[in-house]
Amino acid sequence: MFANEGLGKTSGARTVAAFGGCVAPGSTLVHDTENGHNRLVRELGLRSERSNSKLIKRLPGSENPLAAVNRLCCLLRLFLDSHSGFDRAMLDGYLDLFWAMANPPADKMEKAAFVLDRAMRNPKELRYRDVYEKKPSSGDGAAAL
């Protein structure tokens, strides 16, 4: 699961706010030695499988307990870097799209139907006047009509 914890170093409070409602109490959290995870483990009564990232980075991928997490983080970074218009203010939407891409169903038509259904349940209104009401500035390179 990916969640936006805001900018800067994570903290226990921000980790609980971001993930607390999505993790079932009593679950097992497989994580690194990031201190922000301790509060989540404590407050939700999670079992903790904590790995020291400095030690496990020397292990081959098949033996690294965080290999799957590292792979997803790498794929997410590649996904975000591939969108030249990426805007941090829209991070939640990018995370949702990445989630839809990285999870089942494997059938592309089912996945497209899922994404479209989700988009239609979250309508946004864009009025014609709102689009064309703004006058382009001289720096936009827009020609006068």
N, C-alpha and C. Protein backbone atom coordinates (compact mmCIF):
# COMPACT_ATOMS: atom_id res chain seq x y z
N MET A 1 0.84 -1.17 0.00
CA MET A 1 0.00 0.00 0.00
C MET A 1 0.88 1.23 0.00
N PHE A 2 0.52 2.21 -0.82
CA PHE A 2 1.22 3.48 -0.85
C PHE A 2 0.27 4.55 -0.32
N ALA A 3 0.79 5.45 0.48
CA ALA A 3 -0.02 6.56 0.98
C ALA A 3 0.85 7.80 1.08
N ASN A 4 0.23 8.93 0.91
CA ASN A 4 0.93 10.21 0.99
C ASN A 4 1.02 10.62 2.45
N GLU A 5 2.25 10.69 2.98
CA GLU A 5 2.46 11.12 4.36
C GLU A 5 2.90 12.57 4.43
N GLY A 6 2.93 13.25 3.30
CA GLY A 6 3.35 14.65 3.29
C GLY A 6 4.83 14.77 2.96
N LEU A 7 5.34 15.98 3.07
CA LEU A 7 6.73 16.25 2.73
C LEU A 7 7.63 16.05 3.93
N GLY A 8 8.88 15.74 3.68
CA GLY A 8 9.86 15.63 4.74
C GLY A 8 9.89 14.26 5.38
N LYS A 9 10.64 14.16 6.44
CA LYS A 9 10.81 12.90 7.17
C LYS A 9 9.50 12.47 7.78
N THR A 10 9.22 11.19 7.69
CA THR A 10 7.99 10.66 8.26
C THR A 10 8.08 10.64 9.79
N SER A 11 6.93 10.54 10.43
CA SER A 11 6.87 10.46 11.89
C SER A 11 5.83 9.42 12.26
N GLY A 12 5.83 9.03 13.52
CA GLY A 12 4.85 8.06 13.99
C GLY A 12 3.43 8.55 13.80
N ALA A 13 3.17 9.82 14.11
CA ALA A 13 1.82 10.37 13.99
C ALA A 13 1.37 10.38 12.53
N ARG A 14 2.25 10.78 11.62
CA ARG A 14 1.87 10.82 10.20
C ARG A 14 1.70 9.42 9.63
N THR A 15 2.49 8.47 10.10
CA THR A 15 2.36 7.09 9.64
C THR A 15 1.04 6.50 10.09
N VAL A 16 0.66 6.74 11.35
CA VAL A 16 -0.62 6.24 11.85
C VAL A 16 -1.77 6.90 11.12
N ALA A 17 -1.67 8.21 10.87
CA ALA A 17 -2.74 8.92 10.14
C ALA A 17 -2.89 8.38 8.72
N ALA A 18 -1.79 8.07 8.07
CA ALA A 18 -1.83 7.61 6.68
C ALA A 18 -2.25 6.15 6.54
N PHE A 19 -1.77 5.29 7.44
CA PHE A 19 -1.97 3.85 7.28
C PHE A 19 -2.89 3.22 8.32
N GLY A 20 -3.13 3.92 9.42
CA GLY A 20 -3.88 3.33 10.53
C GLY A 20 -5.24 2.79 10.17
N GLY A 21 -5.97 3.47 9.31
CA GLY A 21 -7.30 3.02 8.94
C GLY A 21 -7.30 1.92 7.88
N CYS A 22 -6.14 1.58 7.36
CA CYS A 22 -6.06 0.61 6.26
C CYS A 22 -5.41 -0.71 6.66
N VAL A 23 -4.85 -0.77 7.83
CA VAL A 23 -4.16 -1.97 8.28
C VAL A 23 -5.00 -2.61 9.38
N ALA A 24 -5.29 -3.88 9.21
CA ALA A 24 -6.11 -4.60 10.20
C ALA A 24 -5.30 -4.82 11.48
N PRO A 25 -5.88 -4.51 12.63
CA PRO A 25 -5.19 -4.78 13.89
C PRO A 25 -4.79 -6.26 13.98
N GLY A 26 -3.59 -6.50 14.50
CA GLY A 26 -3.11 -7.86 14.62
C GLY A 26 -2.37 -8.37 13.40
N SER A 27 -2.32 -7.59 12.32
CA SER A 27 -1.61 -7.99 11.10
C SER A 27 -0.10 -8.00 11.36
N THR A 28 0.63 -8.50 10.40
CA THR A 28 2.09 -8.48 10.47
C THR A 28 2.60 -7.38 9.56
N LEU A 29 3.42 -6.51 10.11
CA LEU A 29 4.03 -5.44 9.33
C LEU A 29 5.48 -5.80 9.07
N VAL A 30 5.81 -5.99 7.80
CA VAL A 30 7.19 -6.27 7.39
C VAL A 30 7.77 -4.93 6.97
N HIS A 31 8.79 -4.49 7.67
CA HIS A 31 9.29 -3.12 7.45
C HIS A 31 10.77 -3.02 7.79
N ASP A 32 11.31 -1.83 7.50
CA ASP A 32 12.71 -1.58 7.83
C ASP A 32 12.77 -0.94 9.23
N THR A 33 13.90 -0.38 9.57
CA THR A 33 14.09 0.16 10.92
C THR A 33 13.63 1.61 11.06
N GLU A 34 12.83 2.08 10.12
CA GLU A 34 12.29 3.45 10.20
C GLU A 34 11.48 3.59 11.49
N ASN A 35 11.84 4.56 12.32
CA ASN A 35 11.18 4.75 13.61
C ASN A 35 9.71 5.12 13.49
N GLY A 36 9.30 5.68 12.38
CA GLY A 36 7.89 6.05 12.19
C GLY A 36 6.96 4.86 12.24
N HIS A 37 7.48 3.65 11.99
CA HIS A 37 6.64 2.46 12.00
C HIS A 37 6.32 1.97 13.41
N ASN A 38 7.16 2.32 14.39
CA ASN A 38 6.99 1.81 15.75
C ASN A 38 5.63 2.15 16.34
N ARG A 39 5.18 3.37 16.15
CA ARG A 39 3.89 3.79 16.71
C ARG A 39 2.74 3.02 16.06
N LEU A 40 2.83 2.80 14.76
CA LEU A 40 1.80 2.03 14.05
C LEU A 40 1.73 0.61 14.61
N VAL A 41 2.88 -0.01 14.81
CA VAL A 41 2.94 -1.36 15.37
C VAL A 41 2.33 -1.37 16.77
N ARG A 42 2.70 -0.41 17.59
CA ARG A 42 2.23 -0.34 18.97
C ARG A 42 0.72 -0.08 19.06
N GLU A 43 0.23 0.92 18.32
CA GLU A 43 -1.18 1.32 18.44
C GLU A 43 -2.15 0.31 17.84
N LEU A 44 -1.72 -0.40 16.80
CA LEU A 44 -2.61 -1.38 16.18
C LEU A 44 -2.36 -2.81 16.66
N GLY A 45 -1.39 -2.96 17.56
CA GLY A 45 -1.08 -4.29 18.06
C GLY A 45 -0.59 -5.22 16.96
N LEU A 46 0.25 -4.69 16.07
CA LEU A 46 0.75 -5.47 14.94
C LEU A 46 1.93 -6.34 15.36
N ARG A 47 2.08 -7.45 14.66
CA ARG A 47 3.32 -8.23 14.77
C ARG A 47 4.32 -7.53 13.86
N SER A 48 5.54 -7.41 14.32
CA SER A 48 6.54 -6.66 13.58
C SER A 48 7.66 -7.58 13.10
N GLU A 49 7.91 -7.54 11.80
CA GLU A 49 9.09 -8.19 11.21
C GLU A 49 9.97 -7.07 10.70
N ARG A 50 10.90 -6.67 11.54
CA ARG A 50 11.74 -5.51 11.28
C ARG A 50 13.09 -5.96 10.74
N SER A 51 13.51 -5.35 9.65
CA SER A 51 14.80 -5.70 9.03
C SER A 51 15.68 -4.46 8.94
N ASN A 52 16.94 -4.64 9.25
CA ASN A 52 17.89 -3.56 9.15
C ASN A 52 18.31 -3.41 7.69
N SER A 53 17.92 -2.31 7.08
CA SER A 53 18.17 -2.12 5.65
C SER A 53 19.66 -2.08 5.31
N LYS A 54 20.49 -1.65 6.26
CA LYS A 54 21.93 -1.61 6.00
C LYS A 54 22.50 -3.03 5.88
N LEU A 55 21.91 -3.96 6.60
CA LEU A 55 22.40 -5.34 6.55
C LEU A 55 21.81 -6.11 5.37
N ILE A 56 20.52 -5.94 5.11
CA ILE A 56 19.87 -6.75 4.08
C ILE A 56 20.16 -6.28 2.66
N LYS A 57 20.69 -5.07 2.50
CA LYS A 57 20.98 -4.61 1.13
C LYS A 57 22.10 -5.42 0.49
N ARG A 58 22.88 -6.13 1.30
CA ARG A 58 23.96 -6.98 0.77
C ARG A 58 23.45 -8.36 0.36
N LEU A 59 22.22 -8.70 0.76
CA LEU A 59 21.68 -10.02 0.45
C LEU A 59 21.20 -10.09 -0.99
N PRO A 60 21.24 -11.27 -1.60
CA PRO A 60 20.64 -11.42 -2.93
C PRO A 60 19.13 -11.21 -2.83
N GLY A 61 18.53 -10.78 -3.91
CA GLY A 61 17.11 -10.46 -3.92
C GLY A 61 16.21 -11.55 -3.38
N SER A 62 16.55 -12.82 -3.66
CA SER A 62 15.71 -13.92 -3.20
C SER A 62 15.73 -14.08 -1.69
N GLU A 63 16.76 -13.57 -1.02
CA GLU A 63 16.86 -13.69 0.44
C GLU A 63 16.47 -12.41 1.17
N ASN A 64 16.28 -11.33 0.46
CA ASN A 64 15.95 -10.05 1.05
C ASN A 64 14.46 -10.02 1.42
N PRO A 65 14.13 -9.88 2.71
CA PRO A 65 12.72 -9.89 3.10
C PRO A 65 11.93 -8.68 2.59
N LEU A 66 12.63 -7.64 2.19
CA LEU A 66 11.95 -6.44 1.67
C LEU A 66 12.06 -6.31 0.16
N ALA A 67 12.44 -7.38 -0.53
CA ALA A 67 12.64 -7.33 -1.97
C ALA A 67 11.37 -6.90 -2.71
N ALA A 68 10.22 -7.43 -2.31
CA ALA A 68 8.97 -7.07 -2.98
C ALA A 68 8.63 -5.60 -2.75
N VAL A 69 8.87 -5.12 -1.55
CA VAL A 69 8.61 -3.71 -1.23
C VAL A 69 9.55 -2.82 -2.03
N ASN A 70 10.83 -3.18 -2.06
CA ASN A 70 11.82 -2.40 -2.82
C ASN A 70 11.47 -2.35 -4.30
N ARG A 71 11.01 -3.47 -4.84
CA ARG A 71 10.63 -3.53 -6.26
C ARG A 71 9.47 -2.57 -6.54
N LEU A 72 8.45 -2.60 -5.68
CA LEU A 72 7.30 -1.70 -5.87
C LEU A 72 7.71 -0.23 -5.75
N CYS A 73 8.60 0.07 -4.80
CA CYS A 73 9.08 1.45 -4.66
C CYS A 73 9.83 1.89 -5.91
N CYS A 74 10.63 0.99 -6.46
CA CYS A 74 11.36 1.29 -7.70
C CYS A 74 10.38 1.53 -8.85
N LEU A 75 9.38 0.66 -8.98
CA LEU A 75 8.39 0.83 -10.04
C LEU A 75 7.60 2.14 -9.87
N LEU A 76 7.27 2.48 -8.63
CA LEU A 76 6.56 3.74 -8.39
C LEU A 76 7.41 4.93 -8.80
N ARG A 77 8.68 4.91 -8.44
CA ARG A 77 9.57 6.02 -8.82
C ARG A 77 9.66 6.14 -10.34
N LEU A 78 9.81 5.01 -11.03
CA LEU A 78 9.85 5.03 -12.50
C LEU A 78 8.54 5.57 -13.07
N PHE A 79 7.42 5.17 -12.48
CA PHE A 79 6.11 5.63 -12.93
C PHE A 79 5.99 7.15 -12.77
N LEU A 80 6.36 7.66 -11.60
CA LEU A 80 6.25 9.11 -11.36
C LEU A 80 7.23 9.89 -12.24
N ASP A 81 8.44 9.35 -12.41
CA ASP A 81 9.44 10.04 -13.24
C ASP A 81 9.05 10.05 -14.72
N SER A 82 8.23 9.09 -15.14
CA SER A 82 7.85 9.01 -16.55
C SER A 82 6.76 10.02 -16.93
N HIS A 83 6.18 10.67 -15.95
CA HIS A 83 5.14 11.68 -16.20
C HIS A 83 5.76 13.06 -16.06
N SER A 84 6.09 13.66 -17.19
CA SER A 84 6.79 14.95 -17.16
C SER A 84 5.95 16.05 -16.52
N GLY A 85 4.65 15.91 -16.52
CA GLY A 85 3.79 16.92 -15.92
C GLY A 85 3.41 16.60 -14.48
N PHE A 86 4.17 15.70 -13.84
CA PHE A 86 3.86 15.28 -12.47
C PHE A 86 3.80 16.48 -11.55
N ASP A 87 2.72 16.58 -10.79
CA ASP A 87 2.50 17.67 -9.86
C ASP A 87 2.29 17.06 -8.47
N ARG A 88 3.15 17.42 -7.52
CA ARG A 88 3.04 16.85 -6.16
C ARG A 88 1.68 17.10 -5.53
N ALA A 89 1.01 18.15 -5.92
CA ALA A 89 -0.32 18.44 -5.37
C ALA A 89 -1.33 17.37 -5.78
N MET A 90 -1.03 16.63 -6.83
CA MET A 90 -1.92 15.58 -7.33
C MET A 90 -1.39 14.19 -6.99
N LEU A 91 -0.51 14.08 -5.99
CA LEU A 91 0.14 12.82 -5.67
C LEU A 91 -0.86 11.71 -5.37
N ASP A 92 -1.92 12.00 -4.64
CA ASP A 92 -2.90 10.96 -4.30
C ASP A 92 -3.50 10.33 -5.55
N GLY A 93 -3.79 11.13 -6.56
CA GLY A 93 -4.33 10.61 -7.81
C GLY A 93 -3.34 9.73 -8.54
N TYR A 94 -2.05 10.12 -8.54
CA TYR A 94 -1.01 9.30 -9.16
C TYR A 94 -0.85 7.98 -8.41
N LEU A 95 -0.93 8.02 -7.07
CA LEU A 95 -0.84 6.79 -6.28
C LEU A 95 -2.01 5.87 -6.58
N ASP A 96 -3.21 6.43 -6.73
CA ASP A 96 -4.38 5.62 -7.08
C ASP A 96 -4.20 4.96 -8.44
N LEU A 97 -3.71 5.72 -9.40
CA LEU A 97 -3.50 5.16 -10.74
C LEU A 97 -2.44 4.06 -10.71
N PHE A 98 -1.36 4.29 -9.98
CA PHE A 98 -0.33 3.27 -9.87
C PHE A 98 -0.89 2.01 -9.21
N TRP A 99 -1.70 2.18 -8.18
CA TRP A 99 -2.32 1.04 -7.50
C TRP A 99 -3.16 0.23 -8.49
N ALA A 100 -3.94 0.94 -9.29
CA ALA A 100 -4.78 0.24 -10.28
C ALA A 100 -3.93 -0.50 -11.30
N MET A 101 -2.80 0.07 -11.68
CA MET A 101 -1.93 -0.58 -12.66
C MET A 101 -1.21 -1.79 -12.08
N ALA A 102 -0.83 -1.73 -10.80
CA ALA A 102 0.01 -2.76 -10.21
C ALA A 102 -0.78 -3.92 -9.59
N ASN A 103 -2.09 -3.82 -9.53
CA ASN A 103 -2.91 -4.83 -8.87
C ASN A 103 -3.85 -5.51 -9.85
N PRO A 104 -4.43 -6.67 -9.43
CA PRO A 104 -5.40 -7.37 -10.29
C PRO A 104 -6.61 -6.48 -10.57
N PRO A 105 -7.36 -6.76 -11.59
CA PRO A 105 -7.32 -7.94 -12.44
C PRO A 105 -6.24 -7.82 -13.52
N ALA A 106 -5.79 -8.96 -13.99
CA ALA A 106 -4.75 -9.00 -15.01
C ALA A 106 -5.31 -8.67 -16.39
N ASP A 107 -6.60 -8.97 -16.60
CA ASP A 107 -7.24 -8.70 -17.89
C ASP A 107 -7.33 -7.18 -18.09
N LYS A 108 -6.78 -6.70 -19.20
CA LYS A 108 -6.71 -5.25 -19.44
C LYS A 108 -8.08 -4.60 -19.56
N MET A 109 -9.04 -5.30 -20.15
CA MET A 109 -10.39 -4.73 -20.28
C MET A 109 -11.08 -4.61 -18.92
N GLU A 110 -10.90 -5.59 -18.06
CA GLU A 110 -11.46 -5.51 -16.72
C GLU A 110 -10.83 -4.36 -15.95
N LYS A 111 -9.52 -4.20 -16.12
CA LYS A 111 -8.81 -3.12 -15.43
C LYS A 111 -9.28 -1.76 -15.93
N ALA A 112 -9.44 -1.62 -17.24
CA ALA A 112 -9.94 -0.36 -17.80
C ALA A 112 -11.34 -0.07 -17.29
N ALA A 113 -12.19 -1.10 -17.22
CA ALA A 113 -13.54 -0.91 -16.71
C ALA A 113 -13.51 -0.47 -15.25
N PHE A 114 -12.60 -1.05 -14.47
CA PHE A 114 -12.45 -0.68 -13.06
C PHE A 114 -12.06 0.79 -12.92
N VAL A 115 -11.06 1.21 -13.69
CA VAL A 115 -10.57 2.60 -13.62
C VAL A 115 -11.67 3.57 -14.06
N LEU A 116 -12.33 3.25 -15.16
CA LEU A 116 -13.41 4.13 -15.64
C LEU A 116 -14.57 4.20 -14.66
N ASP A 117 -14.93 3.08 -14.07
CA ASP A 117 -16.00 3.05 -13.08
C ASP A 117 -15.64 3.92 -11.88
N ARG A 118 -14.40 3.81 -11.43
CA ARG A 118 -13.95 4.63 -10.30
C ARG A 118 -13.96 6.12 -10.66
N ALA A 119 -13.54 6.44 -11.86
CA ALA A 119 -13.53 7.84 -12.29
C ALA A 119 -14.95 8.40 -12.38
N MET A 120 -15.88 7.58 -12.84
CA MET A 120 -17.27 8.07 -12.97
C MET A 120 -17.94 8.25 -11.61
N ARG A 121 -17.45 7.58 -10.60
CA ARG A 121 -18.01 7.73 -9.25
C ARG A 121 -17.46 8.97 -8.55
N ASN A 122 -16.52 9.64 -9.17
CA ASN A 122 -15.90 10.83 -8.59
C ASN A 122 -16.01 11.97 -9.61
N PRO A 123 -17.24 12.44 -9.85
CA PRO A 123 -17.41 13.44 -10.91
C PRO A 123 -16.82 14.80 -10.54
N LYS A 124 -16.28 15.44 -11.52
CA LYS A 124 -15.77 16.80 -11.41
C LYS A 124 -16.47 17.63 -12.48
N GLU A 125 -16.83 18.82 -12.14
CA GLU A 125 -17.53 19.68 -13.10
C GLU A 125 -16.56 20.71 -13.65
N LEU A 126 -16.51 20.80 -14.95
CA LEU A 126 -15.67 21.79 -15.62
C LEU A 126 -16.57 22.54 -16.59
N ARG A 127 -16.80 23.77 -16.28
CA ARG A 127 -17.69 24.58 -17.11
C ARG A 127 -16.91 25.16 -18.30
N TYR A 128 -17.60 25.25 -19.41
CA TYR A 128 -17.03 25.79 -20.64
C TYR A 128 -16.43 27.17 -20.39
N ARG A 129 -17.16 28.01 -19.68
CA ARG A 129 -16.69 29.38 -19.43
C ARG A 129 -15.43 29.40 -18.58
N ASP A 130 -15.33 28.46 -17.64
CA ASP A 130 -14.15 28.42 -16.79
C ASP A 130 -12.89 28.15 -17.60
N VAL A 131 -13.02 27.37 -18.65
CA VAL A 131 -11.87 27.03 -19.48
C VAL A 131 -11.45 28.21 -20.34
N TYR A 132 -12.42 28.86 -20.98
CA TYR A 132 -12.11 29.90 -21.96
C TYR A 132 -12.17 31.31 -21.40
N GLU A 133 -12.51 31.46 -20.16
CA GLU A 133 -12.62 32.77 -19.55
C GLU A 133 -11.25 33.39 -19.28
N LYS A 134 -10.27 32.55 -18.98
CA LYS A 134 -8.94 33.04 -18.65
C LYS A 134 -8.26 33.56 -19.91
N LYS A 135 -7.71 34.73 -19.80
CA LYS A 135 -7.00 35.32 -20.93
C LYS A 135 -5.55 34.86 -20.88
N PRO A 136 -5.02 34.38 -22.00
CA PRO A 136 -3.62 33.93 -21.99
C PRO A 136 -2.68 35.11 -21.76
N SER A 137 -1.61 34.86 -21.03
CA SER A 137 -0.63 35.91 -20.82
C SER A 137 0.31 35.94 -22.01
N SER A 138 1.10 36.99 -22.10
CA SER A 138 2.00 37.12 -23.24
C SER A 138 3.08 36.05 -23.22
N GLY A 139 3.36 35.48 -22.03
CA GLY A 139 4.39 34.46 -21.92
C GLY A 139 3.91 33.07 -22.31
N ASP A 140 2.59 32.90 -22.53
CA ASP A 140 2.06 31.58 -22.88
C ASP A 140 2.34 31.19 -24.31
N GLY A 141 2.71 32.13 -25.14
CA GLY A 141 2.96 31.83 -26.54
C GLY A 141 1.68 31.66 -27.33
N ALA A 142 0.54 32.03 -26.74
CA ALA A 142 -0.74 31.89 -27.43
C ALA A 142 -0.93 33.06 -28.39
N ALA A 143 -1.34 32.76 -29.57
CA ALA A 143 -1.58 33.81 -30.57
C ALA A 143 -2.96 34.42 -30.34
N ALA A 144 -3.06 35.69 -30.60
CA ALA A 144 -4.36 36.36 -30.48
C ALA A 144 -5.28 35.89 -31.59
N LEU A 145 -6.53 35.66 -31.24
CA LEU A 145 -7.48 35.19 -32.24
C LEU A 145 -8.17 36.33 -32.91
